[in-house]
N, C-alpha and C. Protein backbone atom coordinates (compact mmCIF):
# COMPACT_ATOMS: atom_id res chain seq x y z
N MET A 1 19.59 7.89 -4.21
CA MET A 1 20.28 6.71 -4.72
C MET A 1 21.44 6.33 -3.80
N LYS A 2 22.03 7.33 -3.18
CA LYS A 2 23.15 7.09 -2.27
C LYS A 2 22.74 6.19 -1.10
N LYS A 3 21.57 6.50 -0.53
CA LYS A 3 21.06 5.72 0.59
C LYS A 3 20.76 4.29 0.13
N LEU A 4 20.17 4.15 -1.06
CA LEU A 4 19.86 2.83 -1.59
C LEU A 4 21.13 2.02 -1.81
N ASP A 5 22.17 2.64 -2.39
CA ASP A 5 23.43 1.94 -2.61
C ASP A 5 24.07 1.50 -1.29
N SER A 6 23.93 2.33 -0.28
CA SER A 6 24.43 1.98 1.06
C SER A 6 23.69 0.77 1.61
N LEU A 7 22.37 0.75 1.42
CA LEU A 7 21.57 -0.39 1.87
C LEU A 7 21.90 -1.66 1.08
N ILE A 8 22.21 -1.50 -0.20
CA ILE A 8 22.58 -2.65 -1.02
C ILE A 8 23.85 -3.29 -0.47
N LEU A 9 24.80 -2.48 -0.09
CA LEU A 9 26.04 -3.00 0.53
C LEU A 9 25.73 -3.74 1.83
N GLN A 10 24.83 -3.18 2.62
CA GLN A 10 24.43 -3.83 3.87
C GLN A 10 23.74 -5.17 3.59
N TYR A 11 22.91 -5.19 2.52
CA TYR A 11 22.22 -6.42 2.15
C TYR A 11 23.23 -7.51 1.77
N LYS A 12 24.23 -7.12 0.98
CA LYS A 12 25.24 -8.09 0.55
C LYS A 12 26.02 -8.66 1.72
N LYS A 13 26.14 -7.89 2.79
CA LYS A 13 26.84 -8.35 3.99
C LYS A 13 25.90 -9.12 4.92
N GLY A 14 24.62 -9.20 4.57
CA GLY A 14 23.66 -9.91 5.40
C GLY A 14 23.14 -9.07 6.55
N GLU A 15 23.32 -7.74 6.46
CA GLU A 15 22.91 -6.85 7.54
C GLU A 15 21.61 -6.10 7.23
N CYS A 16 21.01 -6.40 6.11
CA CYS A 16 19.81 -5.68 5.67
C CYS A 16 18.89 -6.66 4.97
N GLU A 17 17.59 -6.45 5.06
CA GLU A 17 16.61 -7.33 4.43
C GLU A 17 16.16 -6.73 3.10
N LEU A 18 15.74 -7.57 2.20
CA LEU A 18 15.25 -7.15 0.89
C LEU A 18 14.08 -6.17 1.03
N ILE A 19 13.20 -6.44 1.97
CA ILE A 19 12.03 -5.57 2.18
C ILE A 19 12.48 -4.15 2.52
N THR A 20 13.56 -4.02 3.27
CA THR A 20 14.09 -2.70 3.62
C THR A 20 14.50 -1.94 2.36
N LEU A 21 15.08 -2.63 1.41
CA LEU A 21 15.45 -2.01 0.13
C LEU A 21 14.20 -1.53 -0.61
N PHE A 22 13.17 -2.38 -0.65
CA PHE A 22 11.92 -2.00 -1.30
C PHE A 22 11.31 -0.78 -0.62
N GLU A 23 11.28 -0.80 0.70
CA GLU A 23 10.68 0.31 1.46
C GLU A 23 11.41 1.62 1.21
N GLU A 24 12.72 1.56 1.07
CA GLU A 24 13.50 2.78 0.81
C GLU A 24 13.11 3.39 -0.53
N ILE A 25 12.92 2.55 -1.52
CA ILE A 25 12.50 3.05 -2.85
C ILE A 25 11.10 3.62 -2.77
N VAL A 26 10.19 2.90 -2.12
CA VAL A 26 8.80 3.36 -2.00
C VAL A 26 8.75 4.69 -1.26
N LYS A 27 9.60 4.85 -0.27
CA LYS A 27 9.64 6.10 0.51
C LYS A 27 9.91 7.31 -0.40
N SER A 28 10.78 7.13 -1.36
CA SER A 28 11.13 8.26 -2.22
C SER A 28 10.27 8.35 -3.48
N LYS A 29 9.87 7.23 -4.03
CA LYS A 29 9.12 7.21 -5.30
C LYS A 29 7.62 7.03 -5.14
N LYS A 30 7.16 6.62 -3.96
CA LYS A 30 5.76 6.32 -3.65
C LYS A 30 5.30 4.98 -4.22
N TYR A 31 6.16 4.33 -4.98
CA TYR A 31 5.90 2.97 -5.46
C TYR A 31 7.23 2.36 -5.88
N LEU A 32 7.22 1.11 -6.26
CA LEU A 32 8.44 0.41 -6.65
C LEU A 32 8.47 0.25 -8.17
N PRO A 33 9.07 1.22 -8.87
CA PRO A 33 9.07 1.16 -10.34
C PRO A 33 9.95 0.04 -10.89
N PHE A 34 9.60 -0.41 -12.08
CA PHE A 34 10.33 -1.47 -12.77
C PHE A 34 11.81 -1.13 -12.87
N GLU A 35 12.13 0.12 -13.18
CA GLU A 35 13.53 0.53 -13.36
C GLU A 35 14.35 0.28 -12.08
N LYS A 36 13.73 0.54 -10.93
CA LYS A 36 14.42 0.33 -9.65
C LYS A 36 14.57 -1.16 -9.35
N LEU A 37 13.55 -1.94 -9.68
CA LEU A 37 13.67 -3.39 -9.50
C LEU A 37 14.78 -3.94 -10.39
N ASN A 38 14.85 -3.44 -11.60
CA ASN A 38 15.90 -3.86 -12.53
C ASN A 38 17.28 -3.49 -11.99
N TYR A 39 17.40 -2.30 -11.43
CA TYR A 39 18.64 -1.83 -10.81
C TYR A 39 19.05 -2.77 -9.68
N LEU A 40 18.10 -3.09 -8.80
CA LEU A 40 18.38 -4.02 -7.70
C LEU A 40 18.78 -5.40 -8.22
N SER A 41 18.10 -5.85 -9.26
CA SER A 41 18.39 -7.15 -9.84
C SER A 41 19.85 -7.24 -10.28
N LYS A 42 20.32 -6.21 -10.95
CA LYS A 42 21.71 -6.20 -11.44
C LYS A 42 22.70 -6.06 -10.29
N LYS A 43 22.40 -5.18 -9.34
CA LYS A 43 23.32 -4.93 -8.22
C LYS A 43 23.42 -6.12 -7.27
N LEU A 44 22.31 -6.85 -7.11
CA LEU A 44 22.27 -7.95 -6.15
C LEU A 44 22.44 -9.32 -6.80
N ASP A 45 22.43 -9.34 -8.15
CA ASP A 45 22.51 -10.59 -8.89
C ASP A 45 21.37 -11.53 -8.48
N ILE A 46 20.17 -10.95 -8.42
CA ILE A 46 18.96 -11.70 -8.13
C ILE A 46 18.05 -11.55 -9.35
N PRO A 47 17.49 -12.63 -9.85
CA PRO A 47 16.61 -12.51 -11.03
C PRO A 47 15.47 -11.52 -10.80
N LEU A 48 15.21 -10.72 -11.81
CA LEU A 48 14.16 -9.71 -11.75
C LEU A 48 12.82 -10.33 -11.37
N ALA A 49 12.51 -11.48 -11.92
CA ALA A 49 11.23 -12.15 -11.63
C ALA A 49 11.11 -12.48 -10.14
N LYS A 50 12.19 -12.89 -9.53
CA LYS A 50 12.17 -13.22 -8.10
C LYS A 50 11.93 -11.95 -7.27
N LEU A 51 12.57 -10.85 -7.65
CA LEU A 51 12.37 -9.59 -6.93
C LEU A 51 10.93 -9.11 -7.06
N TYR A 52 10.39 -9.18 -8.28
CA TYR A 52 9.01 -8.74 -8.50
C TYR A 52 8.02 -9.61 -7.73
N THR A 53 8.25 -10.92 -7.76
CA THR A 53 7.37 -11.84 -7.04
C THR A 53 7.38 -11.53 -5.54
N THR A 54 8.56 -11.27 -5.00
CA THR A 54 8.69 -10.95 -3.59
C THR A 54 7.98 -9.63 -3.27
N ALA A 55 8.24 -8.61 -4.07
CA ALA A 55 7.64 -7.29 -3.83
C ALA A 55 6.13 -7.33 -3.97
N SER A 56 5.62 -7.98 -4.98
CA SER A 56 4.17 -7.98 -5.23
C SER A 56 3.40 -8.83 -4.21
N PHE A 57 4.10 -9.67 -3.46
CA PHE A 57 3.45 -10.47 -2.42
C PHE A 57 2.92 -9.58 -1.30
N TYR A 58 3.61 -8.48 -1.02
CA TYR A 58 3.26 -7.60 0.09
C TYR A 58 2.35 -6.47 -0.38
N SER A 59 1.15 -6.39 0.21
CA SER A 59 0.17 -5.39 -0.24
C SER A 59 0.59 -3.96 0.08
N LEU A 60 1.50 -3.78 1.02
CA LEU A 60 1.93 -2.42 1.37
C LEU A 60 3.15 -1.95 0.57
N ILE A 61 3.56 -2.76 -0.41
CA ILE A 61 4.64 -2.35 -1.31
C ILE A 61 4.03 -2.23 -2.71
N PRO A 62 3.61 -1.03 -3.08
CA PRO A 62 2.99 -0.86 -4.40
C PRO A 62 4.01 -1.01 -5.53
N THR A 63 3.66 -1.81 -6.52
CA THR A 63 4.55 -2.01 -7.67
C THR A 63 4.08 -1.22 -8.89
N ALA A 64 3.06 -0.42 -8.71
CA ALA A 64 2.57 0.46 -9.77
C ALA A 64 2.24 1.81 -9.15
N LYS A 65 2.28 2.83 -9.96
CA LYS A 65 1.98 4.18 -9.49
C LYS A 65 0.54 4.22 -8.95
N LYS A 66 0.38 4.85 -7.82
CA LYS A 66 -0.92 4.93 -7.16
C LYS A 66 -1.32 6.39 -7.01
N GLY A 67 -2.52 6.59 -6.50
CA GLY A 67 -3.00 7.94 -6.25
C GLY A 67 -2.28 8.60 -5.09
N LYS A 68 -2.53 9.88 -4.92
CA LYS A 68 -1.94 10.63 -3.82
C LYS A 68 -2.32 10.00 -2.49
N TYR A 69 -3.56 9.53 -2.40
CA TYR A 69 -4.06 8.88 -1.19
C TYR A 69 -4.38 7.42 -1.52
N ILE A 70 -3.68 6.51 -0.87
CA ILE A 70 -3.94 5.08 -1.07
C ILE A 70 -4.82 4.62 0.09
N ILE A 71 -6.05 4.26 -0.25
CA ILE A 71 -7.02 3.80 0.75
C ILE A 71 -7.00 2.29 0.74
N ARG A 72 -6.66 1.71 1.89
CA ARG A 72 -6.63 0.26 2.03
C ARG A 72 -7.65 -0.14 3.09
N VAL A 73 -8.70 -0.80 2.64
CA VAL A 73 -9.76 -1.24 3.54
C VAL A 73 -9.40 -2.63 4.07
N CYS A 74 -9.43 -2.74 5.38
CA CYS A 74 -9.11 -4.02 6.02
C CYS A 74 -10.22 -5.03 5.76
N ASN A 75 -9.84 -6.24 5.36
CA ASN A 75 -10.84 -7.26 5.09
C ASN A 75 -10.66 -8.51 5.97
N ASN A 76 -10.03 -8.32 7.14
CA ASN A 76 -9.89 -9.48 8.02
C ASN A 76 -11.26 -9.83 8.63
N LEU A 77 -11.32 -10.88 9.41
CA LEU A 77 -12.58 -11.36 9.94
C LEU A 77 -13.30 -10.32 10.80
N SER A 78 -12.58 -9.70 11.72
CA SER A 78 -13.20 -8.73 12.62
C SER A 78 -13.79 -7.55 11.84
N CYS A 79 -13.01 -7.00 10.92
CA CYS A 79 -13.51 -5.87 10.13
C CYS A 79 -14.68 -6.29 9.25
N ASN A 80 -14.56 -7.47 8.66
CA ASN A 80 -15.63 -7.96 7.80
C ASN A 80 -16.93 -8.14 8.57
N LEU A 81 -16.84 -8.71 9.75
CA LEU A 81 -18.05 -8.91 10.57
C LEU A 81 -18.64 -7.59 11.06
N ASN A 82 -17.84 -6.55 11.09
CA ASN A 82 -18.29 -5.25 11.58
C ASN A 82 -18.59 -4.24 10.46
N GLY A 83 -18.66 -4.71 9.22
CA GLY A 83 -19.15 -3.86 8.15
C GLY A 83 -18.14 -3.31 7.16
N SER A 84 -16.95 -3.89 7.08
CA SER A 84 -15.97 -3.36 6.13
C SER A 84 -16.44 -3.47 4.68
N GLU A 85 -17.25 -4.49 4.39
CA GLU A 85 -17.77 -4.65 3.02
C GLU A 85 -18.67 -3.47 2.65
N THR A 86 -19.48 -3.01 3.60
CA THR A 86 -20.34 -1.84 3.38
C THR A 86 -19.50 -0.59 3.14
N ILE A 87 -18.43 -0.45 3.92
CA ILE A 87 -17.51 0.69 3.77
C ILE A 87 -16.85 0.64 2.39
N LEU A 88 -16.41 -0.53 1.99
CA LEU A 88 -15.77 -0.70 0.69
C LEU A 88 -16.73 -0.34 -0.44
N GLU A 89 -17.95 -0.83 -0.38
CA GLU A 89 -18.93 -0.53 -1.43
C GLU A 89 -19.22 0.97 -1.49
N MET A 90 -19.29 1.61 -0.33
CA MET A 90 -19.53 3.04 -0.29
C MET A 90 -18.36 3.82 -0.92
N LEU A 91 -17.14 3.40 -0.62
CA LEU A 91 -15.95 4.04 -1.20
C LEU A 91 -15.93 3.88 -2.73
N LYS A 92 -16.28 2.70 -3.21
CA LYS A 92 -16.34 2.48 -4.66
C LYS A 92 -17.32 3.45 -5.31
N LYS A 93 -18.47 3.60 -4.67
CA LYS A 93 -19.51 4.48 -5.21
C LYS A 93 -19.07 5.95 -5.14
N GLU A 94 -18.57 6.38 -4.00
CA GLU A 94 -18.15 7.78 -3.82
C GLU A 94 -17.00 8.16 -4.74
N LEU A 95 -16.03 7.26 -4.88
CA LEU A 95 -14.84 7.57 -5.68
C LEU A 95 -15.00 7.19 -7.15
N LYS A 96 -16.05 6.43 -7.45
CA LYS A 96 -16.33 5.96 -8.81
C LYS A 96 -15.17 5.14 -9.38
N ILE A 97 -14.63 4.26 -8.53
CA ILE A 97 -13.57 3.34 -8.94
C ILE A 97 -13.82 1.98 -8.30
N ASN A 98 -13.17 0.95 -8.83
CA ASN A 98 -13.22 -0.38 -8.26
C ASN A 98 -11.89 -0.67 -7.56
N LEU A 99 -11.82 -1.80 -6.91
CA LEU A 99 -10.58 -2.21 -6.26
C LEU A 99 -9.44 -2.25 -7.27
N GLY A 100 -8.27 -1.76 -6.86
CA GLY A 100 -7.10 -1.76 -7.72
C GLY A 100 -7.04 -0.60 -8.69
N GLU A 101 -8.02 0.28 -8.64
CA GLU A 101 -8.05 1.42 -9.56
C GLU A 101 -7.71 2.72 -8.85
N THR A 102 -7.42 3.72 -9.67
CA THR A 102 -7.11 5.07 -9.19
C THR A 102 -8.08 6.03 -9.86
N THR A 103 -8.52 7.03 -9.11
CA THR A 103 -9.44 8.02 -9.68
C THR A 103 -8.78 8.75 -10.84
N LYS A 104 -9.61 9.26 -11.75
CA LYS A 104 -9.09 9.93 -12.96
C LYS A 104 -8.19 11.11 -12.63
N ASP A 105 -8.46 11.78 -11.51
CA ASP A 105 -7.62 12.93 -11.13
C ASP A 105 -6.33 12.51 -10.41
N GLY A 106 -6.14 11.19 -10.25
CA GLY A 106 -4.92 10.69 -9.62
C GLY A 106 -4.85 10.89 -8.11
N LYS A 107 -5.98 11.19 -7.52
CA LYS A 107 -5.98 11.52 -6.10
C LYS A 107 -6.13 10.29 -5.19
N PHE A 108 -6.97 9.33 -5.57
CA PHE A 108 -7.26 8.20 -4.70
C PHE A 108 -7.06 6.87 -5.42
N SER A 109 -6.47 5.91 -4.70
CA SER A 109 -6.41 4.52 -5.14
C SER A 109 -7.11 3.70 -4.07
N LEU A 110 -7.76 2.61 -4.49
CA LEU A 110 -8.55 1.80 -3.56
C LEU A 110 -8.07 0.36 -3.58
N GLU A 111 -7.77 -0.17 -2.38
CA GLU A 111 -7.26 -1.53 -2.26
C GLU A 111 -7.85 -2.21 -1.02
N LEU A 112 -7.74 -3.53 -1.01
CA LEU A 112 -8.03 -4.32 0.19
C LEU A 112 -6.70 -4.67 0.83
N THR A 113 -6.71 -4.85 2.13
CA THR A 113 -5.52 -5.32 2.82
C THR A 113 -5.94 -6.26 3.93
N SER A 114 -5.01 -7.08 4.37
CA SER A 114 -5.32 -7.97 5.49
C SER A 114 -5.17 -7.20 6.80
N CYS A 115 -5.23 -7.87 7.88
CA CYS A 115 -5.28 -7.27 9.21
C CYS A 115 -4.28 -6.12 9.39
N ILE A 116 -4.79 -5.01 9.91
CA ILE A 116 -3.94 -3.85 10.19
C ILE A 116 -3.80 -3.61 11.69
N GLY A 117 -4.19 -4.60 12.48
CA GLY A 117 -4.00 -4.53 13.92
C GLY A 117 -5.00 -3.63 14.65
N GLN A 118 -6.17 -3.42 14.06
CA GLN A 118 -7.19 -2.58 14.67
C GLN A 118 -8.47 -3.36 14.92
N CYS A 119 -8.33 -4.63 15.21
CA CYS A 119 -9.50 -5.51 15.37
C CYS A 119 -10.47 -5.04 16.44
N ASP A 120 -9.96 -4.41 17.48
CA ASP A 120 -10.83 -3.94 18.56
C ASP A 120 -11.59 -2.68 18.19
N SER A 121 -11.26 -2.09 17.03
CA SER A 121 -11.91 -0.86 16.57
C SER A 121 -12.46 -1.00 15.16
N ALA A 122 -12.84 -2.21 14.80
CA ALA A 122 -13.32 -2.50 13.44
C ALA A 122 -14.68 -1.84 13.18
N PRO A 123 -14.95 -1.53 11.91
CA PRO A 123 -14.10 -1.71 10.74
C PRO A 123 -13.05 -0.59 10.64
N ALA A 124 -11.96 -0.92 9.95
CA ALA A 124 -10.84 0.01 9.86
C ALA A 124 -10.29 0.06 8.44
N MET A 125 -9.57 1.14 8.17
CA MET A 125 -8.87 1.29 6.89
C MET A 125 -7.62 2.11 7.14
N LEU A 126 -6.71 2.03 6.18
CA LEU A 126 -5.52 2.86 6.19
C LEU A 126 -5.60 3.83 5.03
N ILE A 127 -5.19 5.05 5.25
CA ILE A 127 -5.01 5.99 4.16
C ILE A 127 -3.58 6.48 4.28
N ASN A 128 -2.76 6.08 3.30
CA ASN A 128 -1.32 6.36 3.33
C ASN A 128 -0.72 5.91 4.66
N ASN A 129 -1.12 4.72 5.08
CA ASN A 129 -0.62 4.06 6.29
C ASN A 129 -1.07 4.70 7.60
N LYS A 130 -1.99 5.65 7.55
CA LYS A 130 -2.59 6.21 8.77
C LYS A 130 -3.91 5.47 9.00
N PRO A 131 -4.07 4.87 10.20
CA PRO A 131 -5.30 4.11 10.46
C PRO A 131 -6.51 5.00 10.77
N TYR A 132 -7.65 4.58 10.26
CA TYR A 132 -8.95 5.18 10.58
C TYR A 132 -9.81 4.04 11.08
N VAL A 133 -10.44 4.23 12.23
CA VAL A 133 -11.13 3.12 12.90
C VAL A 133 -12.58 3.46 13.24
N LYS A 134 -13.30 2.41 13.66
CA LYS A 134 -14.72 2.54 14.02
C LYS A 134 -15.49 3.28 12.94
N LEU A 135 -15.29 2.83 11.72
CA LEU A 135 -15.85 3.52 10.56
C LEU A 135 -17.33 3.27 10.38
N ASP A 136 -17.99 4.28 9.86
CA ASP A 136 -19.35 4.16 9.34
C ASP A 136 -19.40 5.07 8.11
N LYS A 137 -20.50 5.05 7.39
CA LYS A 137 -20.59 5.82 6.15
C LYS A 137 -20.37 7.31 6.38
N THR A 138 -20.95 7.85 7.44
CA THR A 138 -20.81 9.28 7.73
C THR A 138 -19.35 9.65 7.99
N LYS A 139 -18.68 8.85 8.77
CA LYS A 139 -17.28 9.12 9.10
C LYS A 139 -16.40 9.05 7.84
N VAL A 140 -16.65 8.06 6.99
CA VAL A 140 -15.86 7.91 5.77
C VAL A 140 -16.09 9.09 4.83
N ARG A 141 -17.34 9.52 4.68
CA ARG A 141 -17.63 10.69 3.83
C ARG A 141 -16.89 11.93 4.33
N LYS A 142 -16.87 12.11 5.64
CA LYS A 142 -16.18 13.26 6.25
C LYS A 142 -14.67 13.18 5.95
N ILE A 143 -14.08 12.00 6.09
CA ILE A 143 -12.65 11.80 5.80
C ILE A 143 -12.36 12.16 4.35
N LEU A 144 -13.20 11.67 3.43
CA LEU A 144 -12.99 11.96 2.01
C LEU A 144 -13.10 13.45 1.71
N ARG A 145 -14.09 14.12 2.31
CA ARG A 145 -14.24 15.57 2.11
C ARG A 145 -12.99 16.32 2.55
N GLU A 146 -12.42 15.92 3.67
CA GLU A 146 -11.21 16.57 4.18
C GLU A 146 -10.01 16.36 3.26
N LEU A 147 -9.97 15.22 2.56
CA LEU A 147 -8.85 14.93 1.67
C LEU A 147 -8.99 15.54 0.29
N LYS A 148 -10.23 15.83 -0.11
CA LYS A 148 -10.47 16.39 -1.44
C LYS A 148 -10.11 17.82 -1.45
């Protein structure tokens, strides 16, 4: 909380961005809980709805508790043309969840994301912000086995 309060002071002076505040909370909590948004709202005198709208716009700022491993499949044009939809369908089947869901054991969450800067190695995905590239079904199954 000390670091967050320090960043809040920097924000008020115009030396820090709102996203930096969100990232600091996510770093410690793994998501941006309502209580923290409410805290920021009061400290910054910004309406809670505006903070939530801003935070929820960014796919890499989770506003709800997620699994231990957050799998984000890239759905940009390059990944899509190179089979990301097949990878996504395989992940749904293997994990027995749909987009936006978390496995019953709390281990995996599945999401789509826009370009992750790996167009030359498509299809790609992020798992807890670590990129995995040149994916095929065999490679994805191996990754999942290593994480289970």
